[in-house]
């Protein structure tokens, strides 16, 4: 998906978990009417799934409709429309894979080219079981790299990759270790797509954003798909929100732009969808067809990975392509029925899931799961903690012991409270909440990592090291915690 799983802002739980969508309910039925879509999203905005949502559909004749609900602004009522801008997260990847396919057809690169061909000699690219990592492996998530690199340590935890550099990416590639050959199986990797975008830009001799605009946006008429929005586009950018509705900062990914840095709108993405379906005839269609070819199986869910897309077959034989995306405060999805030539695009400025709505639109038998707000505990504890954190902790324990109805007790509730306190410059209170979280969830590696990071940022190196050690002890595969731990220990010598 976007992009950035395991790159959560400080104290927050992992927010980019893979979305698993099964095919068991896929049946060959028509998409629902715009009036029904409007009822659905009006209800979901009212239920606080998202502050705003805009949906575009394409029917079998290529006709389009756009419906929307909510407001893109927290300060005044501004209903979204086809021009409203959103972060699109990992939908960015199918732009990168289309660049790759186009460059393959133009004989500028080959899918089987080893990536070492395009990297400096100082970068040690691993070769496992005599198989080099290729551009195809990057494009199909079959290198073996994890979702995110281990060596990010942002100055601003609310924009975690704004200061991540190409040098850091090269460092990660040189250190990455795995024990099976590339191409063996699927493992979703933002690292891989960040590197792929960088390599294609190097081959073309121009910045990634320029490459996307020249090779994709211009032929398809995409006038609002960009890494760096203009002031006018910023005015149309929906503000991102957390799962519980708090405003969050936008994400920037300059070094790994190919994995999820683009902003766009429904008008542009409908053009992109229409071109992939063959309704919009462009010079890129052969490259799109190349990008749609299945390459490797995706887990056990009967899905396959193409260049960037996920391909599924329904029981009636229809083929579906989809790509979704997530950043710190946004969700997006493009879902296409290749057989019936229909599609849907959804953009939302909330971290809450939207894929169920997309599937329901094309396949009404797949139900919408009405959103239920589950953050009352966070809200109560945060309000008290801003004034008196010790009282908030007492309040938490009282509510838990009395099993207060309507409250959800899980690790993320306290993590988000701590994050909000940190943003309010109440680090001492945030640390106390994180200490409580490790007491409540003593087997959670992420709880101890969040506490360790808070200690680190508060200058308490000894406590930071102790808690990073605990995080790694609980989960030896927590590579980020292990990296920061070694960095801290090295600085202590």
Protein backbone atom coordinates (compact mmCIF):
# COMPACT_ATOMS: atom_id res chain seq x y z
CA UNK A 1 0.00 0.00 0.00
CA UNK A 2 1.73 3.66 0.62
CA UNK A 3 3.56 3.65 1.57
CA UNK A 4 5.06 3.54 4.58
CA UNK A 5 4.38 0.80 6.85
CA UNK A 6 6.47 0.75 9.99
CA UNK A 7 7.27 4.41 9.52
CA UNK A 8 4.86 5.63 12.05
CA UNK A 9 5.25 9.03 13.64
CA UNK A 10 6.71 8.94 17.14
CA UNK A 11 4.69 6.90 19.64
CA UNK A 12 2.13 5.82 17.10
CA UNK A 13 1.33 2.27 16.15
CA UNK A 14 2.17 0.91 12.71
CA UNK A 15 -0.27 2.60 10.38
CA UNK A 16 0.37 1.07 7.02
CA UNK A 17 -0.65 -2.47 7.53
CA UNK A 18 -1.35 -4.49 4.42
CA UNK A 19 -5.01 -4.67 3.52
CA UNK A 20 -6.18 -8.18 2.71
CA UNK A 21 -9.16 -8.34 0.39
CA UNK A 22 -10.54 -11.77 -0.39
CA UNK A 23 -12.24 -12.78 -3.60
CA UNK A 24 -14.87 -15.00 -2.03
CA UNK A 25 -17.63 -12.45 -2.50
CA UNK A 26 -16.71 -11.41 -6.03
CA UNK A 27 -19.68 -11.85 -8.33
CA UNK A 28 -20.39 -10.43 -11.75
CA UNK A 29 -22.78 -7.62 -10.95
CA UNK A 30 -22.99 -4.01 -12.03
CA UNK A 31 -21.66 -1.15 -9.98
CA UNK A 32 -24.09 0.71 -7.78
CA UNK A 33 -25.67 4.02 -8.74
CA UNK A 34 -24.24 7.40 -7.81
CA UNK A 35 -27.24 8.13 -5.59
CA UNK A 36 -26.49 5.02 -3.53
CA UNK A 37 -22.81 5.94 -3.31
CA UNK A 38 -23.81 9.36 -2.01
CA UNK A 39 -25.92 7.82 0.76
CA UNK A 40 -23.02 5.58 1.79
CA UNK A 41 -20.39 8.28 2.04
CA UNK A 42 -22.72 10.79 3.68
CA UNK A 43 -23.28 8.20 6.39
CA UNK A 44 -19.58 7.34 6.75
CA UNK A 45 -18.60 11.01 7.11
CA UNK A 46 -21.31 11.39 9.74
CA UNK A 47 -19.92 8.34 11.57
CA UNK A 48 -16.46 10.01 11.57
CA UNK A 49 -14.73 7.50 9.30
CA UNK A 50 -13.23 10.52 7.51
CA UNK A 51 -13.63 14.29 7.33
CA UNK A 52 -14.04 14.06 3.55
CA UNK A 53 -14.25 11.55 0.75
CA UNK A 54 -14.48 11.93 -3.01
CA UNK A 55 -15.31 9.02 -5.32
CA UNK A 56 -15.07 8.76 -9.09
CA UNK A 57 -16.53 5.90 -11.14
CA UNK A 58 -16.16 4.73 -14.73
CA UNK A 59 -18.81 2.57 -16.39
CA UNK A 60 -18.37 0.08 -19.23
CA UNK A 61 -18.87 2.85 -21.80
CA UNK A 62 -16.21 5.05 -20.22
CA UNK A 63 -18.71 7.48 -18.70
CA UNK A 64 -17.65 9.05 -15.41
CA UNK A 65 -19.40 10.24 -12.30
CA UNK A 66 -18.03 11.96 -9.19
CA UNK A 67 -19.68 12.11 -5.77
CA UNK A 68 -18.30 13.56 -2.56
CA UNK A 69 -19.06 14.30 1.06
CA UNK A 70 -17.59 16.18 4.01
CA UNK A 71 -15.10 19.03 4.02
CA UNK A 72 -11.43 19.21 3.03
CA UNK A 73 -10.87 22.03 5.54
CA UNK A 74 -11.13 21.99 9.33
CA UNK A 75 -11.55 25.76 9.43
CA UNK A 76 -14.50 26.19 7.07
CA UNK A 77 -16.89 24.06 5.06
CA UNK A 78 -15.28 23.20 1.71
CA UNK A 79 -16.90 20.24 0.00
CA UNK A 80 -14.44 18.16 -2.04
CA UNK A 81 -14.78 17.77 -5.77
CA UNK A 82 -12.84 16.34 -8.68
CA UNK A 83 -10.17 19.03 -8.31
CA UNK A 84 -9.52 18.54 -4.58
CA UNK A 85 -6.00 17.30 -3.89
CA UNK A 86 -5.07 14.35 -1.65
CA UNK A 87 -1.95 12.35 -0.88
CA UNK A 88 -2.26 9.05 -2.76
CA UNK A 89 0.44 7.01 -1.00
CA UNK A 90 1.38 3.78 -2.71
CA UNK A 91 -0.78 4.39 -5.77
CA UNK A 92 2.43 6.22 -6.65
CA UNK A 93 3.95 2.78 -7.26
CA UNK A 94 1.86 2.09 -10.37
CA UNK A 95 3.17 5.37 -11.79
CA UNK A 96 6.72 4.16 -11.12
CA UNK A 97 6.01 0.74 -12.63
CA UNK A 98 4.46 2.40 -15.69
CA UNK A 99 7.65 4.42 -16.13
CA UNK A 100 9.59 1.15 -15.96
CA UNK A 101 7.34 -0.55 -18.53
CA UNK A 102 7.59 2.43 -20.88
CA UNK A 103 11.37 2.52 -20.59
CA UNK A 104 11.51 -1.23 -21.25
CA UNK A 105 9.50 -0.84 -24.45
CA UNK A 106 11.76 2.04 -25.49
CA UNK A 107 14.75 -0.24 -24.81
CA UNK A 108 16.25 2.09 -22.23
CA UNK A 109 16.28 -0.65 -19.59
CA UNK A 110 15.47 -4.34 -19.34
CA UNK A 111 13.39 -6.00 -16.64
CA UNK A 112 16.18 -8.49 -16.02
CA UNK A 113 18.88 -5.84 -15.62
CA UNK A 114 20.67 -6.25 -12.27
CA UNK A 115 20.26 -3.15 -10.15
CA UNK A 116 24.01 -3.07 -9.57
CA UNK A 117 24.28 -1.88 -13.19
CA UNK A 118 22.71 1.42 -12.14
CA UNK A 119 24.25 1.98 -8.71
CA UNK A 120 27.60 3.41 -7.64
CA UNK A 121 30.43 0.92 -7.13
CA UNK A 122 30.45 1.90 -3.47
CA UNK A 123 27.04 0.25 -3.01
CA UNK A 124 27.39 -3.43 -2.16
CA UNK A 125 24.35 -5.11 -3.68
CA UNK A 126 23.82 -8.59 -2.25
CA UNK A 127 23.68 -11.60 -4.55
CA UNK A 128 21.84 -14.49 -2.91
CA UNK A 129 22.20 -18.05 -4.23
CA UNK A 130 23.84 -16.71 -7.38
CA UNK A 131 20.79 -14.60 -8.25
CA UNK A 132 21.31 -10.83 -8.53
CA UNK A 133 18.54 -8.39 -7.66
CA UNK A 134 16.92 -7.10 -10.86
CA UNK A 135 14.59 -4.26 -11.80
CA UNK A 136 11.82 -6.87 -12.11
CA UNK A 137 12.38 -7.92 -8.51
CA UNK A 138 12.02 -4.32 -7.36
CA UNK A 139 8.82 -3.86 -9.37
CA UNK A 140 7.18 -7.06 -8.10
CA UNK A 141 8.14 -6.79 -4.41
CA UNK A 142 10.15 -9.99 -4.65
CA UNK A 143 13.60 -8.88 -3.48
CA UNK A 144 13.07 -9.94 0.12
CA UNK A 145 13.49 -6.47 1.60
CA UNK A 146 11.04 -5.42 4.33
CA UNK A 147 8.37 -2.79 3.97
CA UNK A 148 10.66 0.00 5.12
CA UNK A 149 14.41 0.43 5.69
CA UNK A 150 15.74 0.19 9.21
CA UNK A 151 17.94 3.29 9.15
CA UNK A 152 15.49 6.18 9.33
CA UNK A 153 15.88 8.47 12.33
CA UNK A 154 13.90 11.58 11.47
CA UNK A 155 14.39 14.99 12.95
CA UNK A 156 10.62 15.47 12.65
CA UNK A 157 8.75 12.29 13.61
CA UNK A 158 5.53 13.62 12.10
CA UNK A 159 7.14 13.75 8.64
CA UNK A 160 9.34 10.68 8.99
CA UNK A 161 11.04 10.57 5.57
CA UNK A 162 11.44 14.25 4.78
CA UNK A 163 15.14 14.08 5.70
CA UNK A 164 15.84 10.52 4.56
CA UNK A 165 18.63 10.62 1.96
CA UNK A 166 19.85 8.62 -1.02
CA UNK A 167 23.01 7.96 0.98
CA UNK A 168 20.92 6.32 3.70
CA UNK A 169 19.12 4.26 1.08
CA UNK A 170 22.45 3.10 -0.35
CA UNK A 171 23.65 2.27 3.16
CA UNK A 172 20.57 0.14 3.77
CA UNK A 173 20.98 -1.76 0.48
CA UNK A 174 24.61 -2.51 1.29
CA UNK A 175 23.68 -3.93 4.71
CA UNK A 176 20.43 -5.74 3.92
CA UNK A 177 20.58 -9.48 4.49
CA UNK A 178 18.17 -12.27 3.61
CA UNK A 179 18.54 -15.99 3.08
CA UNK A 180 16.46 -16.76 -0.01
CA UNK A 181 16.95 -15.85 -3.63
CA UNK A 182 15.26 -12.76 -5.12
CA UNK A 183 12.13 -13.68 -7.05
CA UNK A 184 11.25 -16.51 -4.68
CA UNK A 185 8.18 -14.90 -3.14
CA UNK A 186 6.30 -11.67 -2.52
CA UNK A 187 7.29 -9.33 0.33
CA UNK A 188 5.89 -5.82 0.07
CA UNK A 189 8.70 -3.28 0.04
CA UNK A 190 8.61 0.49 -0.04
CA UNK A 191 12.40 0.29 -0.04
CA UNK A 192 12.36 -1.47 -3.39
CA UNK A 193 10.06 1.02 -5.05
CA UNK A 194 11.94 3.97 -3.63
CA UNK A 195 15.09 2.56 -5.20
CA UNK A 196 13.31 1.75 -8.47
CA UNK A 197 12.11 5.33 -8.86
CA UNK A 198 15.61 6.59 -8.12
CA UNK A 199 17.20 4.26 -10.69
CA UNK A 200 14.73 5.23 -13.44
CA UNK A 201 15.39 8.91 -12.76
CA UNK A 202 19.13 8.27 -12.98
CA UNK A 203 18.72 6.47 -16.30
CA UNK A 204 16.59 9.29 -17.69
CA UNK A 205 18.98 11.92 -16.34
CA UNK A 206 16.27 14.02 -14.72
CA UNK A 207 14.43 14.25 -11.38
CA UNK A 208 11.77 11.66 -10.67
CA UNK A 209 8.96 14.23 -10.57
CA UNK A 210 10.00 15.64 -13.96
CA UNK A 211 10.09 12.13 -15.39
CA UNK A 212 6.57 11.36 -14.15
CA UNK A 213 5.18 14.60 -15.52
CA UNK A 214 6.84 14.25 -18.93
CA UNK A 215 6.25 10.53 -19.50
CA UNK A 216 2.86 10.03 -17.81
CA UNK A 217 1.10 13.24 -16.81
CA UNK A 218 1.45 15.03 -20.14
CA UNK A 219 0.25 12.14 -22.35
CA UNK A 220 -2.67 11.40 -20.02
CA UNK A 221 -3.63 15.00 -19.31
CA UNK A 222 -2.88 14.79 -15.60
CA UNK A 223 -2.50 18.43 -14.59
CA UNK A 224 -2.65 17.96 -10.81
CA UNK A 225 -0.44 14.95 -10.11
CA UNK A 226 2.72 16.17 -8.44
CA UNK A 227 5.28 15.66 -5.70
CA UNK A 228 5.52 19.32 -4.79
CA UNK A 229 2.16 21.11 -5.07
CA UNK A 230 1.96 24.71 -6.21
CA UNK A 231 0.45 27.30 -3.86
CA UNK A 232 -2.82 27.00 -5.79
CA UNK A 233 -2.79 23.21 -5.44
CA UNK A 234 -1.97 23.49 -1.74
CA UNK A 235 -5.12 25.58 -1.34
CA UNK A 236 -7.06 22.59 -2.72
CA UNK A 237 -5.18 20.00 -0.64
CA UNK A 238 -7.37 18.22 1.91
CA UNK A 239 -5.78 18.24 5.35
CA UNK A 240 -4.80 14.77 6.56
CA UNK A 241 -6.22 13.23 9.74
CA UNK A 242 -5.40 10.42 12.14
CA UNK A 243 -7.72 7.50 12.81
CA UNK A 244 -9.44 9.49 15.54
CA UNK A 245 -9.75 12.66 13.49
CA UNK A 246 -6.83 14.79 14.66
CA UNK A 247 -5.05 16.87 11.98
CA UNK A 248 -1.68 15.43 10.92
CA UNK A 249 1.24 16.75 8.93
CA UNK A 250 1.67 15.87 5.27
CA UNK A 251 4.49 13.53 4.32
CA UNK A 252 7.42 14.30 2.03
CA UNK A 253 9.63 11.57 0.56
CA UNK A 254 12.25 13.25 -1.62
CA UNK A 255 14.79 10.40 -1.64
CA UNK A 256 12.26 7.59 -2.10
CA UNK A 257 9.63 9.50 -4.10
CA UNK A 258 8.91 6.52 -6.35
CA UNK A 259 7.22 4.69 -3.51
CA UNK A 260 4.60 7.17 -2.35
CA UNK A 261 5.24 10.90 -2.56
CA UNK A 262 2.66 11.95 -5.14
CA UNK A 263 -0.41 14.09 -4.55
CA UNK A 264 -3.28 13.95 -7.03
CA UNK A 265 -7.04 14.37 -7.45
CA UNK A 266 -9.96 12.29 -8.67
CA UNK A 267 -10.07 13.93 -12.10
CA UNK A 268 -6.46 12.93 -12.79
CA UNK A 269 -6.83 9.44 -11.35
CA UNK A 270 -9.97 8.82 -13.41
CA UNK A 271 -7.91 9.66 -16.49
CA UNK A 272 -5.23 7.26 -15.28
CA UNK A 273 -7.85 4.55 -14.63
CA UNK A 274 -9.57 5.13 -17.98
CA UNK A 275 -6.24 4.80 -19.80
CA UNK A 276 -5.48 1.53 -18.00
CA UNK A 277 -8.93 0.23 -18.96
CA UNK A 278 -8.45 1.23 -22.60
CA UNK A 279 -11.18 3.89 -22.64
CA UNK A 280 -8.65 6.68 -23.02
CA UNK A 281 -6.39 5.94 -25.99
CA UNK A 282 -2.82 7.05 -25.45
CA UNK A 283 0.70 6.12 -26.47
CA UNK A 284 1.18 4.59 -23.02
CA UNK A 285 -1.34 1.78 -23.47
CA UNK A 286 1.25 -0.82 -24.60
CA UNK A 287 3.30 -0.02 -21.51
CA UNK A 288 0.18 -0.34 -19.37
CA UNK A 289 -0.54 -3.74 -20.86
CA UNK A 290 3.02 -4.80 -20.06
CA UNK A 291 2.55 -3.57 -16.51
CA UNK A 292 -0.62 -5.67 -16.13
CA UNK A 293 1.05 -9.03 -16.82
CA UNK A 294 1.12 -11.23 -13.67
CA UNK A 295 4.63 -12.01 -12.44
CA UNK A 296 4.53 -13.67 -9.01
CA UNK A 297 1.96 -15.12 -6.62
CA UNK A 298 0.92 -12.91 -3.72
CA UNK A 299 0.54 -14.98 -0.59
CA UNK A 300 -2.19 -17.59 -0.33
CA UNK A 301 -5.16 -15.41 -1.24
CA UNK A 302 -5.26 -16.33 -4.94
CA UNK A 303 -3.76 -13.01 -6.00
CA UNK A 304 -0.84 -12.23 -8.28
CA UNK A 305 1.49 -9.27 -8.51
CA UNK A 306 2.06 -7.50 -11.81
CA UNK A 307 4.38 -4.52 -12.20
CA UNK A 308 2.98 -2.58 -9.26
CA UNK A 309 -0.63 -3.79 -9.35
CA UNK A 310 -2.39 -6.69 -7.66
CA UNK A 311 -4.34 -8.92 -10.08
CA UNK A 312 -7.28 -11.06 -8.95
CA UNK A 313 -9.65 -13.38 -10.78
CA UNK A 314 -13.24 -13.85 -9.65
CA UNK A 315 -15.21 -17.06 -9.89
CA UNK A 316 -17.02 -15.77 -12.97
CA UNK A 317 -13.69 -15.21 -14.71
CA UNK A 318 -13.58 -11.43 -14.45
CA UNK A 319 -10.14 -9.94 -13.81
CA UNK A 320 -9.58 -7.11 -11.36
CA UNK A 321 -6.60 -4.84 -10.84
CA UNK A 322 -6.17 -2.73 -7.74
CA UNK A 323 -3.68 -0.53 -5.98
CA UNK A 324 -4.26 1.26 -2.72
CA UNK A 325 -2.21 3.76 -0.79
CA UNK A 326 -1.78 5.15 2.70
CA UNK A 327 0.25 7.92 4.27
CA UNK A 328 0.04 9.42 7.75
CA UNK A 329 -3.40 10.98 7.24
CA UNK A 330 -4.78 9.73 3.93
CA UNK A 331 -6.17 6.66 2.17
CA UNK A 332 -6.64 6.09 -1.55
CA UNK A 333 -7.55 3.26 -3.91
CA UNK A 334 -7.89 2.62 -7.64
CA UNK A 335 -9.92 -0.54 -8.35
CA UNK A 336 -10.49 -1.74 -11.94
CA UNK A 337 -12.59 -4.51 -13.47
CA UNK A 338 -10.48 -5.23 -16.54
CA UNK A 339 -13.07 -7.57 -18.01
CA UNK A 340 -16.10 -5.27 -17.79
CA UNK A 341 -13.99 -2.11 -18.25
CA UNK A 342 -15.36 -0.47 -15.11
CA UNK A 343 -13.52 1.20 -12.27
CA UNK A 344 -13.63 3.27 -9.10
CA UNK A 345 -11.26 5.79 -7.50
CA UNK A 346 -11.61 6.84 -3.86
CA UNK A 347 -9.64 9.52 -2.02
CA UNK A 348 -10.01 10.19 1.71
CA UNK A 349 -8.19 12.46 4.15
CA UNK A 350 -8.24 10.03 7.06
CA UNK A 351 -6.16 7.06 8.08
CA UNK A 352 -9.27 4.90 8.39
CA UNK A 353 -9.76 2.16 5.73
CA UNK A 354 -11.86 2.73 2.61
CA UNK A 355 -11.30 -0.41 0.52
CA UNK A 356 -14.60 -1.96 1.59
CA UNK A 357 -16.44 0.98 0.02
CA UNK A 358 -14.54 0.60 -3.26
CA UNK A 359 -15.33 -3.09 -3.48
CA UNK A 360 -18.98 -2.54 -2.62
CA UNK A 361 -19.33 -0.05 -5.45
CA UNK A 362 -18.20 -2.55 -8.08
CA UNK A 363 -19.49 -5.67 -6.27
CA UNK A 364 -22.56 -4.84 -4.16
CA UNK A 365 -22.48 -8.28 -2.51
CA UNK A 366 -19.35 -7.14 -0.67
CA UNK A 367 -20.79 -5.15 2.24
CA UNK A 368 -19.68 -1.78 3.51
CA UNK A 369 -18.54 -2.13 7.09
CA UNK A 370 -20.15 0.85 8.85
CA UNK A 371 -17.47 2.71 10.71
CA UNK A 372 -17.58 2.75 14.50
CA UNK A 373 -15.61 5.38 16.38
CA UNK A 374 -13.42 3.53 18.89
CA UNK A 375 -11.29 6.34 20.33
CA UNK A 376 -13.36 7.49 23.32
CA UNK A 377 -10.70 6.19 25.74
CA UNK A 378 -7.99 8.19 23.97
CA UNK A 379 -10.13 11.32 24.09
CA UNK A 380 -10.88 11.05 27.80
CA UNK A 381 -7.31 10.28 28.86
CA UNK A 382 -5.78 12.97 26.64
CA UNK A 383 -8.09 15.67 27.97
CA UNK A 384 -7.09 14.88 31.55
CA UNK A 385 -3.39 14.27 30.76
CA UNK A 386 -3.00 17.74 29.29
CA UNK A 387 -3.72 19.12 32.76
CA UNK A 388 -2.49 16.37 35.08
CA UNK A 389 -0.91 13.21 33.70
CA UNK A 390 -0.87 11.40 37.06
CA UNK A 391 -4.60 11.95 37.41
CA UNK A 392 -5.05 10.69 33.84
CA UNK A 393 -3.23 7.47 34.68
CA UNK A 394 -5.44 6.97 37.75
CA UNK A 395 -8.48 7.63 35.58
CA UNK A 396 -7.29 5.07 33.04
CA UNK A 397 -6.81 2.38 35.68
CA UNK A 398 -10.20 3.09 37.21
CA UNK A 399 -11.96 2.84 33.86
CA UNK A 400 -10.13 -0.37 33.01
CA UNK A 401 -10.88 -2.04 36.33
CA UNK A 402 -14.55 -1.05 36.11
CA UNK A 403 -14.73 -2.20 32.47
CA UNK A 404 -16.36 1.05 31.43
CA UNK A 405 -18.76 0.33 28.54
CA UNK A 406 -17.98 1.72 25.10
CA UNK A 407 -14.23 1.97 25.72
CA UNK A 408 -11.64 0.04 23.73
CA UNK A 409 -8.47 -0.84 25.63
CA UNK A 410 -5.53 -1.52 23.34
CA UNK A 411 -1.96 -0.38 22.84
CA UNK A 412 -2.78 2.20 20.20
CA UNK A 413 -5.03 4.24 22.51
CA UNK A 414 -2.16 5.16 24.84
CA UNK A 415 0.34 5.47 21.98
CA UNK A 416 -1.80 8.14 20.38
CA UNK A 417 -2.27 9.94 23.70
CA UNK A 418 1.51 10.07 24.08
CA UNK A 419 1.95 11.29 20.52
CA UNK A 420 -0.53 14.10 21.07
CA UNK A 421 1.19 15.10 24.31
CA UNK A 422 4.56 15.13 22.56
CA UNK A 423 3.15 17.38 19.84
CA UNK A 424 1.80 19.65 22.58
CA UNK A 425 5.40 19.85 23.92
CA UNK A 426 4.51 17.91 27.05
CA UNK A 427 7.27 15.32 26.74
CA UNK A 428 7.36 14.46 30.42
CA UNK A 429 3.67 13.59 30.37
CA UNK A 430 4.12 11.65 27.13
CA UNK A 431 6.87 9.54 28.69
CA UNK A 432 4.68 8.71 31.67
CA UNK A 433 1.91 7.52 29.35
CA UNK A 434 4.39 5.41 27.36
CA UNK A 435 5.74 3.92 30.60
CA UNK A 436 2.16 2.98 31.45
CA UNK A 437 1.79 1.40 28.00
CA UNK A 438 4.78 -0.89 28.55
CA UNK A 439 3.28 -1.94 31.88
CA UNK A 440 -0.04 -2.66 30.20
CA UNK A 441 1.52 -4.45 27.22
CA UNK A 442 4.77 -5.97 28.52
CA UNK A 443 5.13 -8.29 25.52
CA UNK A 444 4.89 -5.56 22.91
CA UNK A 445 8.11 -4.69 21.12
CA UNK A 446 6.55 -1.56 19.61
CA UNK A 447 5.48 -0.27 23.04
CA UNK A 448 9.07 -0.46 24.31
CA UNK A 449 10.42 1.01 21.08
CA UNK A 450 8.08 4.00 21.39
CA UNK A 451 9.19 4.56 24.98
CA UNK A 452 12.84 4.21 23.97
CA UNK A 453 12.43 6.80 21.24
CA UNK A 454 10.83 9.21 23.67
CA UNK A 455 13.73 8.78 26.08
CA UNK A 456 16.17 9.30 23.20
CA UNK A 457 14.51 12.53 22.14
CA UNK A 458 14.45 13.68 25.74
CA UNK A 459 18.21 13.16 26.12
CA UNK A 460 17.89 10.14 28.42
CA UNK A 461 20.28 7.86 26.55
CA UNK A 462 20.68 5.21 29.24
CA UNK A 463 16.92 4.62 29.51
CA UNK A 464 16.63 4.73 25.72
CA UNK A 465 19.21 1.97 25.31
CA UNK A 466 17.56 -0.18 27.98
CA UNK A 467 14.18 0.04 26.29
CA UNK A 468 15.52 -0.49 22.77
CA UNK A 469 17.22 -3.61 24.12
CA UNK A 470 13.89 -4.78 25.51
CA UNK A 471 12.17 -4.08 22.17
CA UNK A 472 14.73 -6.18 20.31
CA UNK A 473 14.57 -8.91 22.93
CA UNK A 474 10.80 -9.15 22.46
CA UNK A 475 11.08 -9.10 18.67
CA UNK A 476 14.49 -9.96 17.18
CA UNK A 477 13.08 -9.03 13.74
CA UNK A 478 12.45 -5.43 14.81
CA UNK A 479 15.21 -4.16 12.54
CA UNK A 480 14.56 -0.47 13.12
CA UNK A 481 14.87 -0.82 16.89
CA UNK A 482 18.04 -2.86 16.42
CA UNK A 483 19.52 -0.21 14.14
CA UNK A 484 18.79 2.70 16.49
CA UNK A 485 20.09 0.64 19.43
CA UNK A 486 23.43 0.08 17.72
CA UNK A 487 23.58 3.73 16.73
CA UNK A 488 23.04 4.79 20.33
CA UNK A 489 25.58 2.32 21.66
CA UNK A 490 28.11 3.51 19.11
CA UNK A 491 27.55 7.11 20.16
CA UNK A 492 28.09 6.09 23.78
CA UNK A 493 31.62 4.79 23.18
